[in-house]
Amino acid sequence: MQMARCLYLKRDWREDEKRMRRAVRHLSSVYGASCSSSSSSSSSSSPPSLSSFQLLLFPEGTDLTPETTAKSDAFADKNNRQRFK
């Protein structure tokens, strides 16, 4: 998955923010360099001219069941957070 430029997260914002910043910096340097060096004419051998890139997020979900709802509510109560509805 790393070859496909997937970014693995730990669900800890302190760590994930660092990973995301590094990934965005890397992608900016890679695509920024190819954009500035690409000519205005397109050819089949050169990469498409990009002025930006997209970062797609695929958040992992949890099945909504009475058990997972109870766990979520308990976590929210314990951490003084609002319950999801």
N, C-alpha and C. Protein backbone atom coordinates (compact mmCIF):
# COMPACT_ATOMS: atom_id res chain seq x y z
N MET A 1 0.82 -1.21 0.00
CA MET A 1 0.00 0.00 0.00
C MET A 1 0.86 1.27 0.00
N GLN A 2 2.06 1.18 0.53
CA GLN A 2 2.91 2.37 0.53
C GLN A 2 3.31 2.76 -0.88
N MET A 3 3.42 1.79 -1.76
CA MET A 3 3.75 2.11 -3.15
C MET A 3 2.62 2.89 -3.81
N ALA A 4 1.42 2.72 -3.32
CA ALA A 4 0.26 3.45 -3.84
C ALA A 4 0.09 4.79 -3.13
N ARG A 5 1.08 5.17 -2.34
CA ARG A 5 1.08 6.44 -1.60
C ARG A 5 -0.03 6.50 -0.54
N CYS A 6 -0.31 5.34 0.06
CA CYS A 6 -1.28 5.32 1.16
C CYS A 6 -0.60 5.83 2.42
N LEU A 7 -1.33 6.54 3.21
CA LEU A 7 -0.81 7.12 4.44
C LEU A 7 -1.52 6.44 5.61
N TYR A 8 -0.76 5.75 6.41
CA TYR A 8 -1.34 5.03 7.54
C TYR A 8 -1.35 5.92 8.77
N LEU A 9 -2.47 5.96 9.45
CA LEU A 9 -2.63 6.81 10.63
C LEU A 9 -2.72 5.97 11.88
N LYS A 10 -2.40 6.60 13.01
CA LYS A 10 -2.44 5.90 14.29
C LYS A 10 -3.64 6.30 15.15
N ARG A 11 -4.44 7.23 14.65
CA ARG A 11 -5.56 7.77 15.42
C ARG A 11 -5.09 8.54 16.65
N ASP A 12 -3.92 9.13 16.53
CA ASP A 12 -3.36 9.99 17.55
C ASP A 12 -2.93 11.26 16.82
N TRP A 13 -3.66 12.35 17.04
CA TRP A 13 -3.45 13.55 16.24
C TRP A 13 -2.01 14.06 16.32
N ARG A 14 -1.37 13.92 17.47
CA ARG A 14 0.02 14.39 17.59
C ARG A 14 0.92 13.67 16.60
N GLU A 15 0.72 12.40 16.42
CA GLU A 15 1.52 11.63 15.46
C GLU A 15 0.99 11.79 14.03
N ASP A 16 -0.31 11.72 13.89
CA ASP A 16 -0.91 11.78 12.55
C ASP A 16 -0.67 13.13 11.88
N GLU A 17 -0.69 14.20 12.64
CA GLU A 17 -0.44 15.51 12.05
C GLU A 17 0.97 15.56 11.45
N LYS A 18 1.95 15.01 12.15
CA LYS A 18 3.32 14.98 11.62
C LYS A 18 3.38 14.18 10.33
N ARG A 19 2.73 13.02 10.32
CA ARG A 19 2.74 12.17 9.12
C ARG A 19 2.07 12.88 7.95
N MET A 20 0.94 13.52 8.22
CA MET A 20 0.21 14.19 7.15
C MET A 20 1.01 15.37 6.61
N ARG A 21 1.65 16.12 7.49
CA ARG A 21 2.47 17.25 7.04
C ARG A 21 3.63 16.78 6.17
N ARG A 22 4.29 15.69 6.59
CA ARG A 22 5.39 15.15 5.78
C ARG A 22 4.90 14.69 4.42
N ALA A 23 3.75 14.03 4.40
CA ALA A 23 3.19 13.54 3.14
C ALA A 23 2.84 14.70 2.21
N VAL A 24 2.22 15.73 2.74
CA VAL A 24 1.84 16.88 1.92
C VAL A 24 3.09 17.60 1.41
N ARG A 25 4.10 17.74 2.28
CA ARG A 25 5.36 18.36 1.85
C ARG A 25 6.00 17.55 0.72
N HIS A 26 6.01 16.25 0.88
CA HIS A 26 6.60 15.39 -0.15
C HIS A 26 5.84 15.51 -1.46
N LEU A 27 4.52 15.39 -1.41
CA LEU A 27 3.72 15.48 -2.63
C LEU A 27 3.86 16.85 -3.28
N SER A 28 3.93 17.89 -2.47
CA SER A 28 4.11 19.24 -3.01
C SER A 28 5.44 19.36 -3.73
N SER A 29 6.48 18.78 -3.16
CA SER A 29 7.80 18.88 -3.81
C SER A 29 7.83 18.06 -5.09
N VAL A 30 7.22 16.88 -5.07
CA VAL A 30 7.22 16.03 -6.27
C VAL A 30 6.38 16.65 -7.38
N TYR A 31 5.16 17.01 -7.09
CA TYR A 31 4.29 17.54 -8.13
C TYR A 31 4.61 18.99 -8.44
N GLY A 32 5.11 19.72 -7.49
CA GLY A 32 5.51 21.10 -7.75
C GLY A 32 6.66 21.14 -8.74
N ALA A 33 7.63 20.22 -8.59
CA ALA A 33 8.78 20.18 -9.49
C ALA A 33 8.35 19.79 -10.90
N SER A 34 7.44 18.81 -11.01
CA SER A 34 7.02 18.38 -12.35
C SER A 34 6.17 19.45 -13.03
N CYS A 35 5.47 20.23 -12.24
CA CYS A 35 4.64 21.29 -12.82
C CYS A 35 5.51 22.40 -13.36
N SER A 36 6.51 22.80 -12.59
CA SER A 36 7.31 23.94 -13.00
C SER A 36 8.20 23.58 -14.19
N SER A 37 8.55 22.31 -14.33
CA SER A 37 9.42 21.92 -15.43
C SER A 37 8.65 21.47 -16.66
N SER A 38 7.34 21.28 -16.55
CA SER A 38 6.58 20.82 -17.71
C SER A 38 6.29 21.98 -18.65
N SER A 39 6.30 21.69 -19.91
CA SER A 39 6.02 22.73 -20.90
C SER A 39 4.52 22.85 -21.11
N SER A 40 4.11 23.90 -21.81
CA SER A 40 2.68 24.11 -22.01
C SER A 40 2.11 23.13 -23.02
N SER A 41 2.94 22.57 -23.89
CA SER A 41 2.43 21.57 -24.83
C SER A 41 2.44 20.21 -24.16
N SER A 42 1.43 19.43 -24.42
CA SER A 42 1.35 18.12 -23.78
C SER A 42 1.85 17.05 -24.73
N SER A 43 2.51 16.06 -24.17
CA SER A 43 2.92 14.90 -24.95
C SER A 43 2.57 13.67 -24.16
N SER A 44 2.52 12.54 -24.82
CA SER A 44 2.10 11.32 -24.15
C SER A 44 3.14 10.81 -23.17
N SER A 45 4.42 11.23 -23.30
CA SER A 45 5.45 10.73 -22.41
C SER A 45 5.61 11.57 -21.14
N SER A 46 5.12 12.77 -21.13
CA SER A 46 5.29 13.60 -19.94
C SER A 46 4.05 13.52 -19.05
N PRO A 47 4.26 13.68 -17.74
CA PRO A 47 3.12 13.61 -16.83
C PRO A 47 2.17 14.78 -17.05
N PRO A 48 0.93 14.62 -16.64
CA PRO A 48 -0.01 15.72 -16.81
C PRO A 48 0.43 16.92 -15.99
N SER A 49 0.14 18.09 -16.50
CA SER A 49 0.50 19.31 -15.79
C SER A 49 -0.44 19.47 -14.59
N LEU A 50 0.13 19.52 -13.41
CA LEU A 50 -0.66 19.62 -12.19
C LEU A 50 -0.27 20.88 -11.44
N SER A 51 -1.26 21.62 -11.02
CA SER A 51 -0.96 22.78 -10.19
C SER A 51 -1.23 22.46 -8.73
N SER A 52 -1.84 21.32 -8.50
CA SER A 52 -2.13 20.89 -7.13
C SER A 52 -2.31 19.37 -7.15
N PHE A 53 -2.59 18.83 -6.01
CA PHE A 53 -2.86 17.40 -5.93
C PHE A 53 -4.04 17.21 -4.99
N GLN A 54 -4.57 16.02 -4.97
CA GLN A 54 -5.69 15.72 -4.11
C GLN A 54 -5.26 14.73 -3.05
N LEU A 55 -5.75 14.92 -1.85
CA LEU A 55 -5.51 13.99 -0.76
C LEU A 55 -6.87 13.39 -0.42
N LEU A 56 -7.03 12.12 -0.72
CA LEU A 56 -8.30 11.45 -0.46
C LEU A 56 -8.23 10.74 0.88
N LEU A 57 -9.26 10.90 1.68
CA LEU A 57 -9.32 10.26 2.99
C LEU A 57 -10.40 9.19 2.96
N PHE A 58 -10.04 8.04 3.46
CA PHE A 58 -10.98 6.93 3.57
C PHE A 58 -11.03 6.53 5.04
N PRO A 59 -11.84 7.22 5.82
CA PRO A 59 -11.88 6.91 7.25
C PRO A 59 -12.48 5.53 7.50
N GLU A 60 -11.88 4.84 8.42
CA GLU A 60 -12.38 3.53 8.80
C GLU A 60 -13.62 3.73 9.67
N GLY A 61 -14.60 2.96 9.45
CA GLY A 61 -15.82 3.08 10.23
C GLY A 61 -16.03 1.89 11.15
N THR A 62 -16.99 2.01 11.99
CA THR A 62 -17.37 0.92 12.90
C THR A 62 -18.84 0.63 12.65
N ASP A 63 -19.19 -0.63 12.61
CA ASP A 63 -20.59 -0.99 12.44
C ASP A 63 -21.40 -0.45 13.61
N LEU A 64 -22.54 0.11 13.30
CA LEU A 64 -23.40 0.67 14.34
C LEU A 64 -24.30 -0.44 14.90
N THR A 65 -23.98 -0.84 16.10
CA THR A 65 -24.76 -1.87 16.79
C THR A 65 -25.05 -1.37 18.20
N PRO A 66 -25.97 -1.98 18.91
CA PRO A 66 -26.21 -1.56 20.30
C PRO A 66 -24.94 -1.65 21.16
N GLU A 67 -24.11 -2.65 20.90
CA GLU A 67 -22.87 -2.80 21.68
C GLU A 67 -21.87 -1.68 21.40
N THR A 68 -21.68 -1.35 20.12
CA THR A 68 -20.72 -0.29 19.80
C THR A 68 -21.25 1.08 20.23
N THR A 69 -22.56 1.25 20.18
CA THR A 69 -23.15 2.50 20.67
C THR A 69 -22.93 2.64 22.16
N ALA A 70 -23.09 1.57 22.91
CA ALA A 70 -22.86 1.60 24.36
C ALA A 70 -21.40 1.93 24.66
N LYS A 71 -20.47 1.34 23.91
CA LYS A 71 -19.05 1.64 24.11
C LYS A 71 -18.75 3.10 23.80
N SER A 72 -19.33 3.59 22.73
CA SER A 72 -19.12 4.99 22.35
C SER A 72 -19.67 5.93 23.41
N ASP A 73 -20.86 5.64 23.89
CA ASP A 73 -21.47 6.47 24.94
C ASP A 73 -20.63 6.45 26.22
N ALA A 74 -20.13 5.27 26.59
CA ALA A 74 -19.30 5.17 27.79
C ALA A 74 -18.02 5.98 27.64
N PHE A 75 -17.41 5.93 26.45
CA PHE A 75 -16.20 6.71 26.20
C PHE A 75 -16.49 8.20 26.28
N ALA A 76 -17.61 8.62 25.67
CA ALA A 76 -17.98 10.04 25.70
C ALA A 76 -18.23 10.50 27.13
N ASP A 77 -18.94 9.71 27.90
CA ASP A 77 -19.23 10.07 29.30
C ASP A 77 -17.95 10.16 30.11
N LYS A 78 -17.07 9.18 29.94
CA LYS A 78 -15.81 9.14 30.70
C LYS A 78 -14.92 10.33 30.37
N ASN A 79 -14.94 10.77 29.12
CA ASN A 79 -14.06 11.85 28.67
C ASN A 79 -14.77 13.20 28.56
N ASN A 80 -15.94 13.29 29.17
CA ASN A 80 -16.70 14.54 29.19
C ASN A 80 -16.90 15.11 27.80
N ARG A 81 -17.36 14.24 26.89
CA ARG A 81 -17.62 14.63 25.52
C ARG A 81 -19.09 14.38 25.18
N GLN A 82 -19.50 15.02 24.12
CA GLN A 82 -20.89 14.86 23.67
C GLN A 82 -21.07 13.49 23.02
N ARG A 83 -22.18 12.86 23.30
CA ARG A 83 -22.50 11.57 22.68
C ARG A 83 -22.89 11.78 21.20
N PHE A 84 -22.50 10.82 20.36
CA PHE A 84 -22.93 10.86 18.96
C PHE A 84 -24.39 10.42 18.88
N LYS A 85 -25.09 10.97 17.92
CA LYS A 85 -26.49 10.61 17.73
C LYS A 85 -26.67 9.97 16.39
